[in-house]
Amino acid sequence: RILIFPKGNNVDHLSLYLDVADSATLPYGWSRYAQFSLAVINQIHNKYSIRK
């Protein structure tokens, strides 16, 4: 899941985190490789939209 803090997480800017749901129930040493991208869409001027 993605955690979003629009006013930041003890900072003055947007904070985003990729979180593992129910991580407390996973065995010690558990890991997972994840690949994701983030897109910011400008609905007025598409040339300003970005994906990273």
N, C-alpha and C. Protein backbone atom coordinates (compact mmCIF):
# COMPACT_ATOMS: atom_id res chain seq x y z
N ARG A 1 0.84 -1.18 0.00
CA ARG A 1 0.00 0.00 0.00
C ARG A 1 0.88 1.24 0.00
N ILE A 2 0.31 2.35 -0.41
CA ILE A 2 1.04 3.61 -0.44
C ILE A 2 0.50 4.50 0.67
N LEU A 3 1.39 4.99 1.50
CA LEU A 3 1.02 5.93 2.55
C LEU A 3 1.35 7.33 2.04
N ILE A 4 0.39 8.24 2.14
CA ILE A 4 0.57 9.60 1.65
C ILE A 4 0.31 10.58 2.78
N PHE A 5 1.27 11.47 2.99
CA PHE A 5 1.14 12.53 3.98
C PHE A 5 1.22 13.86 3.22
N PRO A 6 0.07 14.44 2.83
CA PRO A 6 0.08 15.65 2.00
C PRO A 6 0.83 16.83 2.63
N LYS A 7 0.82 16.92 3.94
CA LYS A 7 1.53 18.02 4.62
C LYS A 7 2.85 17.57 5.20
N GLY A 8 3.32 16.42 4.78
CA GLY A 8 4.62 15.92 5.21
C GLY A 8 4.54 15.06 6.46
N ASN A 9 5.64 14.38 6.73
CA ASN A 9 5.79 13.54 7.91
C ASN A 9 6.97 14.12 8.69
N ASN A 10 6.67 15.15 9.48
CA ASN A 10 7.68 15.93 10.22
C ASN A 10 8.61 16.69 9.28
N VAL A 11 8.13 17.03 8.09
CA VAL A 11 8.86 17.85 7.12
C VAL A 11 7.87 18.83 6.48
N ASP A 12 8.37 19.75 5.69
CA ASP A 12 7.52 20.77 5.08
C ASP A 12 7.13 20.47 3.64
N HIS A 13 7.12 19.19 3.26
CA HIS A 13 6.75 18.83 1.90
C HIS A 13 6.03 17.48 1.91
N LEU A 14 5.42 17.14 0.79
CA LEU A 14 4.70 15.88 0.63
C LEU A 14 5.60 14.68 0.93
N SER A 15 5.08 13.71 1.66
CA SER A 15 5.82 12.47 1.94
C SER A 15 5.02 11.28 1.43
N LEU A 16 5.68 10.38 0.70
CA LEU A 16 5.07 9.15 0.18
C LEU A 16 5.91 7.96 0.63
N TYR A 17 5.24 6.88 1.03
CA TYR A 17 5.93 5.67 1.45
C TYR A 17 5.26 4.46 0.83
N LEU A 18 6.04 3.51 0.39
CA LEU A 18 5.53 2.22 -0.05
C LEU A 18 5.62 1.30 1.16
N ASP A 19 4.49 0.79 1.61
CA ASP A 19 4.40 0.06 2.88
C ASP A 19 3.98 -1.39 2.63
N VAL A 20 4.45 -2.29 3.48
CA VAL A 20 4.04 -3.69 3.43
C VAL A 20 2.90 -3.87 4.43
N ALA A 21 1.74 -4.28 3.95
CA ALA A 21 0.59 -4.51 4.82
C ALA A 21 0.86 -5.70 5.74
N ASP A 22 0.45 -5.61 6.98
CA ASP A 22 0.59 -6.68 7.98
C ASP A 22 2.04 -7.12 8.15
N SER A 23 2.98 -6.20 8.11
CA SER A 23 4.40 -6.54 8.20
C SER A 23 4.76 -7.18 9.55
N ALA A 24 4.00 -6.90 10.60
CA ALA A 24 4.30 -7.47 11.91
C ALA A 24 4.09 -8.98 11.94
N THR A 25 3.30 -9.52 11.01
CA THR A 25 3.02 -10.96 11.01
C THR A 25 3.99 -11.75 10.12
N LEU A 26 4.89 -11.06 9.44
CA LEU A 26 5.82 -11.74 8.54
C LEU A 26 7.00 -12.31 9.32
N PRO A 27 7.59 -13.42 8.86
CA PRO A 27 8.72 -14.02 9.57
C PRO A 27 9.95 -13.12 9.53
N TYR A 28 10.82 -13.28 10.53
CA TYR A 28 12.06 -12.51 10.61
C TYR A 28 12.89 -12.73 9.35
N GLY A 29 13.42 -11.66 8.79
CA GLY A 29 14.25 -11.76 7.61
C GLY A 29 13.48 -11.76 6.30
N TRP A 30 12.16 -11.68 6.38
CA TRP A 30 11.34 -11.67 5.17
C TRP A 30 11.70 -10.48 4.30
N SER A 31 11.69 -10.68 3.00
CA SER A 31 11.93 -9.56 2.09
C SER A 31 11.17 -9.79 0.79
N ARG A 32 11.00 -8.72 0.06
CA ARG A 32 10.30 -8.79 -1.23
C ARG A 32 10.87 -7.69 -2.11
N TYR A 33 11.15 -8.03 -3.35
CA TYR A 33 11.59 -7.04 -4.32
C TYR A 33 10.35 -6.43 -4.96
N ALA A 34 10.29 -5.13 -5.01
CA ALA A 34 9.14 -4.46 -5.63
C ALA A 34 9.65 -3.37 -6.57
N GLN A 35 8.99 -3.26 -7.70
CA GLN A 35 9.31 -2.20 -8.64
C GLN A 35 8.02 -1.43 -8.90
N PHE A 36 8.08 -0.12 -8.78
CA PHE A 36 6.89 0.68 -9.00
C PHE A 36 7.29 2.01 -9.63
N SER A 37 6.31 2.69 -10.17
CA SER A 37 6.56 4.02 -10.72
C SER A 37 5.49 4.96 -10.19
N LEU A 38 5.81 6.22 -10.20
CA LEU A 38 4.91 7.26 -9.72
C LEU A 38 4.66 8.23 -10.87
N ALA A 39 3.42 8.58 -11.10
CA ALA A 39 3.07 9.54 -12.15
C ALA A 39 2.37 10.73 -11.52
N VAL A 40 2.77 11.92 -11.94
CA VAL A 40 2.09 13.16 -11.55
C VAL A 40 1.52 13.74 -12.84
N ILE A 41 0.20 13.82 -12.90
CA ILE A 41 -0.49 14.22 -14.12
C ILE A 41 -0.98 15.66 -14.01
N ASN A 42 -0.57 16.49 -14.96
CA ASN A 42 -1.09 17.85 -15.07
C ASN A 42 -2.24 17.80 -16.07
N GLN A 43 -3.46 17.94 -15.61
CA GLN A 43 -4.64 17.79 -16.47
C GLN A 43 -4.85 18.99 -17.40
N ILE A 44 -4.17 20.09 -17.14
CA ILE A 44 -4.32 21.27 -17.99
C ILE A 44 -3.27 21.29 -19.09
N HIS A 45 -2.01 21.04 -18.72
CA HIS A 45 -0.90 21.04 -19.68
C HIS A 45 -0.18 19.70 -19.58
N ASN A 46 -0.53 18.76 -20.44
CA ASN A 46 0.02 17.41 -20.37
C ASN A 46 1.55 17.37 -20.46
N LYS A 47 2.16 18.37 -21.10
CA LYS A 47 3.62 18.38 -21.24
C LYS A 47 4.33 18.50 -19.89
N TYR A 48 3.60 18.92 -18.85
CA TYR A 48 4.18 19.02 -17.52
C TYR A 48 3.96 17.76 -16.68
N SER A 49 3.30 16.77 -17.22
CA SER A 49 3.10 15.50 -16.52
C SER A 49 4.41 14.72 -16.52
N ILE A 50 4.67 14.00 -15.43
CA ILE A 50 5.91 13.22 -15.33
C ILE A 50 5.62 11.84 -14.76
N ARG A 51 6.52 10.91 -15.07
CA ARG A 51 6.47 9.56 -14.51
C ARG A 51 7.89 9.17 -14.16
N LYS A 52 8.06 8.69 -12.94
CA LYS A 52 9.40 8.26 -12.48
C LYS A 52 9.29 6.92 -11.81
